[in-house]
Amino acid sequence: MQKEFYQGETLSQMDAAAEHINWVLPRFKKVLPVIYVQDVDEDGGVVPGTPGFEFIDSLTPKDGAIRIHKRYGNSFNKTDVDAILKEHGVDTPVITGFCAEYCVLSTYRGATDLDYFPVILKNGIASVKTANKEFVENISETITAGMLVKLLDEVS
């Protein structure tokens, strides 16, 4: 969820998604890796060092966080995401972010192609249109923030 896309209807959707993400994030970090993925779009000027490349203020990763730069919708495509998850024994990645119908869904399907069991954090994704966010949640496996926190608290 980068600043370049933090405008119009996505502004309120990203804010709402960030609330859900930030609620589960501290518990997640205790037991599993958190990977921050940033989209690089050279044609659009969204590149490292530009303001639009940075995460929205409410989702700023701490120093030392795992960061991945991607050039495709699918976060697994030509990145280290698969290797990082395997290194940590993760078989069920929880996916959040923007844009539901492009990057989120592509990553979800990419995870499935690699034999993961991906889930989307319900209300932890955003889109340019609310209907698109709802559509992606409706056709995907989802988990609520409350259930995820309960499961993570039991593991830690």
C-alpha atoms as a PDB file:
ATOM      1  CA  MET A   1       0.000   0.000   0.000  1.00  0.00           C
ATOM      2  CA  GLN A   2       2.173   2.736  -1.399  1.00  0.00           C
ATOM      3  CA  LYS A   3       1.673   6.491  -1.341  1.00  0.00           C
ATOM      4  CA  GLU A   4       1.416   6.675  -5.145  1.00  0.00           C
ATOM      5  CA  PHE A   5      -1.986   4.980  -4.951  1.00  0.00           C
ATOM      6  CA  TYR A   6      -3.224   6.691  -1.753  1.00  0.00           C
ATOM      7  CA  GLN A   7      -5.896   8.884  -3.351  1.00  0.00           C
ATOM      8  CA  GLY A   8      -9.597   8.959  -4.202  1.00  0.00           C
ATOM      9  CA  GLU A   9     -11.611   5.960  -3.024  1.00  0.00           C
ATOM     10  CA  THR A  10      -8.419   4.040  -2.275  1.00  0.00           C
ATOM     11  CA  LEU A  11      -7.561   6.487   0.519  1.00  0.00           C
ATOM     12  CA  SER A  12     -10.415   5.356   2.777  1.00  0.00           C
ATOM     13  CA  GLN A  13      -9.979   1.716   1.772  1.00  0.00           C
ATOM     14  CA  MET A  14      -6.251   1.778   2.540  1.00  0.00           C
ATOM     15  CA  ASP A  15      -6.911   3.437   5.904  1.00  0.00           C
ATOM     16  CA  ALA A  16      -9.455   0.754   6.801  1.00  0.00           C
ATOM     17  CA  ALA A  17      -7.159  -2.051   5.622  1.00  0.00           C
ATOM     18  CA  ALA A  18      -4.238  -0.570   7.584  1.00  0.00           C
ATOM     19  CA  GLU A  19      -6.298  -0.729  10.792  1.00  0.00           C
ATOM     20  CA  HIS A  20      -6.828  -4.474  10.351  1.00  0.00           C
ATOM     21  CA  ILE A  21      -3.223  -5.080   9.326  1.00  0.00           C
ATOM     22  CA  ASN A  22      -1.811  -3.069  12.228  1.00  0.00           C
ATOM     23  CA  TRP A  23      -3.992  -4.929  14.703  1.00  0.00           C
ATOM     24  CA  VAL A  24      -2.573  -8.336  13.733  1.00  0.00           C
ATOM     25  CA  LEU A  25       0.975  -7.241  12.882  1.00  0.00           C
ATOM     26  CA  PRO A  26       2.498  -7.224  16.402  1.00  0.00           C
ATOM     27  CA  ARG A  27       1.268 -10.759  17.086  1.00  0.00           C
ATOM     28  CA  PHE A  28       2.428 -11.951  13.686  1.00  0.00           C
ATOM     29  CA  LYS A  29       5.958 -10.682  14.194  1.00  0.00           C
ATOM     30  CA  LYS A  30       6.299 -12.817  17.338  1.00  0.00           C
ATOM     31  CA  VAL A  31       6.027 -16.115  15.477  1.00  0.00           C
ATOM     32  CA  LEU A  32       6.198 -15.633  11.695  1.00  0.00           C
ATOM     33  CA  PRO A  33       7.980 -13.435   9.169  1.00  0.00           C
ATOM     34  CA  VAL A  34       6.300 -10.341   7.810  1.00  0.00           C
ATOM     35  CA  ILE A  35       7.282  -9.453   4.256  1.00  0.00           C
ATOM     36  CA  TYR A  36       6.707  -5.912   3.017  1.00  0.00           C
ATOM     37  CA  VAL A  37       6.322  -5.890  -0.771  1.00  0.00           C
ATOM     38  CA  GLN A  38       6.695  -2.731  -2.828  1.00  0.00           C
ATOM     39  CA  ASP A  39       5.746  -2.417  -6.477  1.00  0.00           C
ATOM     40  CA  VAL A  40       8.351  -0.923  -8.796  1.00  0.00           C
ATOM     41  CA  ASP A  41       6.858   0.786 -11.849  1.00  0.00           C
ATOM     42  CA  GLU A  42       9.591   2.557 -13.760  1.00  0.00           C
ATOM     43  CA  ASP A  43       7.220   3.732 -16.497  1.00  0.00           C
ATOM     44  CA  GLY A  44       4.932   5.284 -13.873  1.00  0.00           C
ATOM     45  CA  GLY A  45       7.807   6.777 -11.881  1.00  0.00           C
ATOM     46  CA  VAL A  46       7.167   4.593  -8.825  1.00  0.00           C
ATOM     47  CA  VAL A  47      10.748   3.700  -8.004  1.00  0.00           C
ATOM     48  CA  PRO A  48      12.895   3.563  -4.862  1.00  0.00           C
ATOM     49  CA  GLY A  49      13.738   7.037  -3.629  1.00  0.00           C
ATOM     50  CA  THR A  50      10.510   8.669  -4.824  1.00  0.00           C
ATOM     51  CA  PRO A  51       7.744   9.684  -2.395  1.00  0.00           C
ATOM     52  CA  GLY A  52       5.139   7.554  -4.198  1.00  0.00           C
ATOM     53  CA  PHE A  53       7.230   4.418  -3.720  1.00  0.00           C
ATOM     54  CA  GLU A  54       7.021   4.626   0.076  1.00  0.00           C
ATOM     55  CA  PHE A  55       4.359   2.874   2.125  1.00  0.00           C
ATOM     56  CA  ILE A  56       1.491   4.932   3.471  1.00  0.00           C
ATOM     57  CA  ASP A  57       2.419   6.469   6.814  1.00  0.00           C
ATOM     58  CA  SER A  58       0.278   4.080   8.863  1.00  0.00           C
ATOM     59  CA  LEU A  59       2.172   1.037   7.487  1.00  0.00           C
ATOM     60  CA  THR A  60       5.790   2.108   7.695  1.00  0.00           C
ATOM     61  CA  PRO A  61       8.043  -0.927   8.277  1.00  0.00           C
ATOM     62  CA  LYS A  62      10.626  -0.729  11.046  1.00  0.00           C
ATOM     63  CA  ASP A  63      14.337  -0.874  10.310  1.00  0.00           C
ATOM     64  CA  GLY A  64      15.431  -4.416   9.550  1.00  0.00           C
ATOM     65  CA  ALA A  65      12.029  -5.452   8.183  1.00  0.00           C
ATOM     66  CA  ILE A  66      12.006  -7.875   5.272  1.00  0.00           C
ATOM     67  CA  ARG A  67      11.392  -5.820   2.130  1.00  0.00           C
ATOM     68  CA  ILE A  68      10.865  -7.101  -1.373  1.00  0.00           C
ATOM     69  CA  HIS A  69      10.660  -5.028  -4.540  1.00  0.00           C
ATOM     70  CA  LYS A  70       8.536  -6.562  -7.269  1.00  0.00           C
ATOM     71  CA  ARG A  71       7.994  -5.731 -10.915  1.00  0.00           C
ATOM     72  CA  TYR A  72       5.021  -8.032 -11.542  1.00  0.00           C
ATOM     73  CA  GLY A  73       1.574  -8.335  -9.986  1.00  0.00           C
ATOM     74  CA  ASN A  74       2.467 -11.678  -8.410  1.00  0.00           C
ATOM     75  CA  SER A  75       4.811 -11.069  -5.462  1.00  0.00           C
ATOM     76  CA  PHE A  76       6.339 -14.523  -5.975  1.00  0.00           C
ATOM     77  CA  ASN A  77       7.388 -13.807  -9.581  1.00  0.00           C
ATOM     78  CA  LYS A  78      11.171 -13.243  -9.723  1.00  0.00           C
ATOM     79  CA  THR A  79      11.476 -12.326  -6.027  1.00  0.00           C
ATOM     80  CA  ASP A  80      12.723 -14.054  -2.876  1.00  0.00           C
ATOM     81  CA  VAL A  81       9.251 -14.408  -1.322  1.00  0.00           C
ATOM     82  CA  ASP A  82       9.056 -18.173  -1.911  1.00  0.00           C
ATOM     83  CA  ALA A  83      12.536 -18.776  -0.461  1.00  0.00           C
ATOM     84  CA  ILE A  84      11.796 -16.643   2.609  1.00  0.00           C
ATOM     85  CA  LEU A  85       8.545 -18.455   3.342  1.00  0.00           C
ATOM     86  CA  LYS A  86      10.161 -21.858   2.879  1.00  0.00           C
ATOM     87  CA  GLU A  87      13.079 -20.861   5.128  1.00  0.00           C
ATOM     88  CA  HIS A  88      10.591 -20.069   7.899  1.00  0.00           C
ATOM     89  CA  GLY A  89       8.408 -23.142   7.310  1.00  0.00           C
ATOM     90  CA  VAL A  90       5.398 -21.105   6.230  1.00  0.00           C
ATOM     91  CA  ASP A  91       2.764 -22.995   4.252  1.00  0.00           C
ATOM     92  CA  THR A  92      -0.162 -20.603   4.723  1.00  0.00           C
ATOM     93  CA  PRO A  93       0.730 -17.040   3.767  1.00  0.00           C
ATOM     94  CA  VAL A  94      -1.690 -14.330   4.873  1.00  0.00           C
ATOM     95  CA  ILE A  95      -2.005 -11.753   2.114  1.00  0.00           C
ATOM     96  CA  THR A  96      -2.901  -8.089   2.575  1.00  0.00           C
ATOM     97  CA  GLY A  97      -2.477  -4.915   0.558  1.00  0.00           C
ATOM     98  CA  PHE A  98      -3.437  -3.044  -2.589  1.00  0.00           C
ATOM     99  CA  CYS A  99      -4.739  -3.563  -5.341  1.00  0.00           C
ATOM    100  CA  ALA A 100      -7.185  -6.379  -4.627  1.00  0.00           C
ATOM    101  CA  GLU A 101      -7.997  -7.350  -8.207  1.00  0.00           C
ATOM    102  CA  TYR A 102      -4.421  -7.094  -9.466  1.00  0.00           C
ATOM    103  CA  CYS A 103      -1.494  -7.545  -7.080  1.00  0.00           C
ATOM    104  CA  VAL A 104      -3.392  -9.214  -4.237  1.00  0.00           C
ATOM    105  CA  LEU A 105      -5.216 -11.705  -6.453  1.00  0.00           C
ATOM    106  CA  SER A 106      -2.097 -12.370  -8.567  1.00  0.00           C
ATOM    107  CA  THR A 107      -0.068 -13.093  -5.431  1.00  0.00           C
ATOM    108  CA  TYR A 108      -2.855 -15.277  -4.033  1.00  0.00           C
ATOM    109  CA  ARG A 109      -2.968 -17.334  -7.221  1.00  0.00           C
ATOM    110  CA  GLY A 110       0.840 -17.398  -7.422  1.00  0.00           C
ATOM    111  CA  ALA A 111       0.969 -18.827  -3.908  1.00  0.00           C
ATOM    112  CA  THR A 112      -1.543 -21.501  -4.889  1.00  0.00           C
ATOM    113  CA  ASP A 113       0.583 -22.387  -7.934  1.00  0.00           C
ATOM    114  CA  LEU A 114       3.505 -22.998  -5.553  1.00  0.00           C
ATOM    115  CA  ASP A 115       1.401 -25.329  -3.361  1.00  0.00           C
ATOM    116  CA  TYR A 116       0.845 -22.873  -0.516  1.00  0.00           C
ATOM    117  CA  PHE A 117      -2.570 -22.476   1.108  1.00  0.00           C
ATOM    118  CA  PRO A 118      -2.932 -18.684   0.921  1.00  0.00           C
ATOM    119  CA  VAL A 119      -5.543 -16.707   2.814  1.00  0.00           C
ATOM    120  CA  ILE A 120      -6.491 -13.072   2.512  1.00  0.00           C
ATOM    121  CA  LEU A 121      -6.930 -11.004   5.653  1.00  0.00           C
ATOM    122  CA  LYS A 122     -10.617 -10.024   5.509  1.00  0.00           C
ATOM    123  CA  ASN A 123     -10.809  -6.231   5.243  1.00  0.00           C
ATOM    124  CA  GLY A 124      -7.015  -6.134   5.017  1.00  0.00           C
ATOM    125  CA  ILE A 125      -7.017  -5.406   1.287  1.00  0.00           C
ATOM    126  CA  ALA A 126      -7.922  -2.324  -0.739  1.00  0.00           C
ATOM    127  CA  SER A 127      -8.851  -1.471  -4.313  1.00  0.00           C
ATOM    128  CA  VAL A 128      -9.860   1.440  -6.489  1.00  0.00           C
ATOM    129  CA  LYS A 129     -13.455   0.212  -6.093  1.00  0.00           C
ATOM    130  CA  THR A 130     -15.116  -1.320  -3.043  1.00  0.00           C
ATOM    131  CA  ALA A 131     -16.889  -3.853  -5.286  1.00  0.00           C
ATOM    132  CA  ASN A 132     -13.514  -5.155  -6.502  1.00  0.00           C
ATOM    133  CA  LYS A 133     -12.260  -5.650  -2.943  1.00  0.00           C
ATOM    134  CA  GLU A 134     -15.439  -7.493  -2.020  1.00  0.00           C
ATOM    135  CA  PHE A 135     -15.244  -9.642  -5.153  1.00  0.00           C
ATOM    136  CA  VAL A 136     -11.686 -10.762  -4.373  1.00  0.00           C
ATOM    137  CA  GLU A 137     -12.629 -11.574  -0.780  1.00  0.00           C
ATOM    138  CA  ASN A 138     -15.671 -13.528  -1.995  1.00  0.00           C
ATOM    139  CA  ILE A 139     -13.711 -15.751  -4.384  1.00  0.00           C
ATOM    140  CA  SER A 140     -10.743 -16.340  -2.068  1.00  0.00           C
ATOM    141  CA  GLU A 141     -10.063 -18.047   1.222  1.00  0.00           C
ATOM    142  CA  THR A 142     -10.199 -15.352   3.916  1.00  0.00           C
ATOM    143  CA  ILE A 143      -9.560 -15.056   7.625  1.00  0.00           C
ATOM    144  CA  THR A 144     -10.807 -12.353   9.952  1.00  0.00           C
ATOM    145  CA  ALA A 145      -8.404 -10.317  12.052  1.00  0.00           C
ATOM    146  CA  GLY A 146     -10.030 -11.653  15.238  1.00  0.00           C
ATOM    147  CA  MET A 147      -9.566 -15.298  14.251  1.00  0.00           C
ATOM    148  CA  LEU A 148      -6.015 -14.681  13.070  1.00  0.00           C
ATOM    149  CA  VAL A 149      -5.094 -12.999  16.357  1.00  0.00           C
ATOM    150  CA  LYS A 150      -6.605 -15.910  18.315  1.00  0.00           C
ATOM    151  CA  LEU A 151      -4.577 -18.431  16.313  1.00  0.00           C
ATOM    152  CA  LEU A 152      -1.358 -16.440  16.582  1.00  0.00           C
ATOM    153  CA  ASP A 153      -1.794 -15.949  20.335  1.00  0.00           C
ATOM    154  CA  GLU A 154      -2.176 -19.715  20.744  1.00  0.00           C
ATOM    155  CA  VAL A 155       1.063 -20.359  18.818  1.00  0.00           C
ATOM    156  CA  SER A 156       3.187 -17.789  20.654  1.00  0.00           C
END
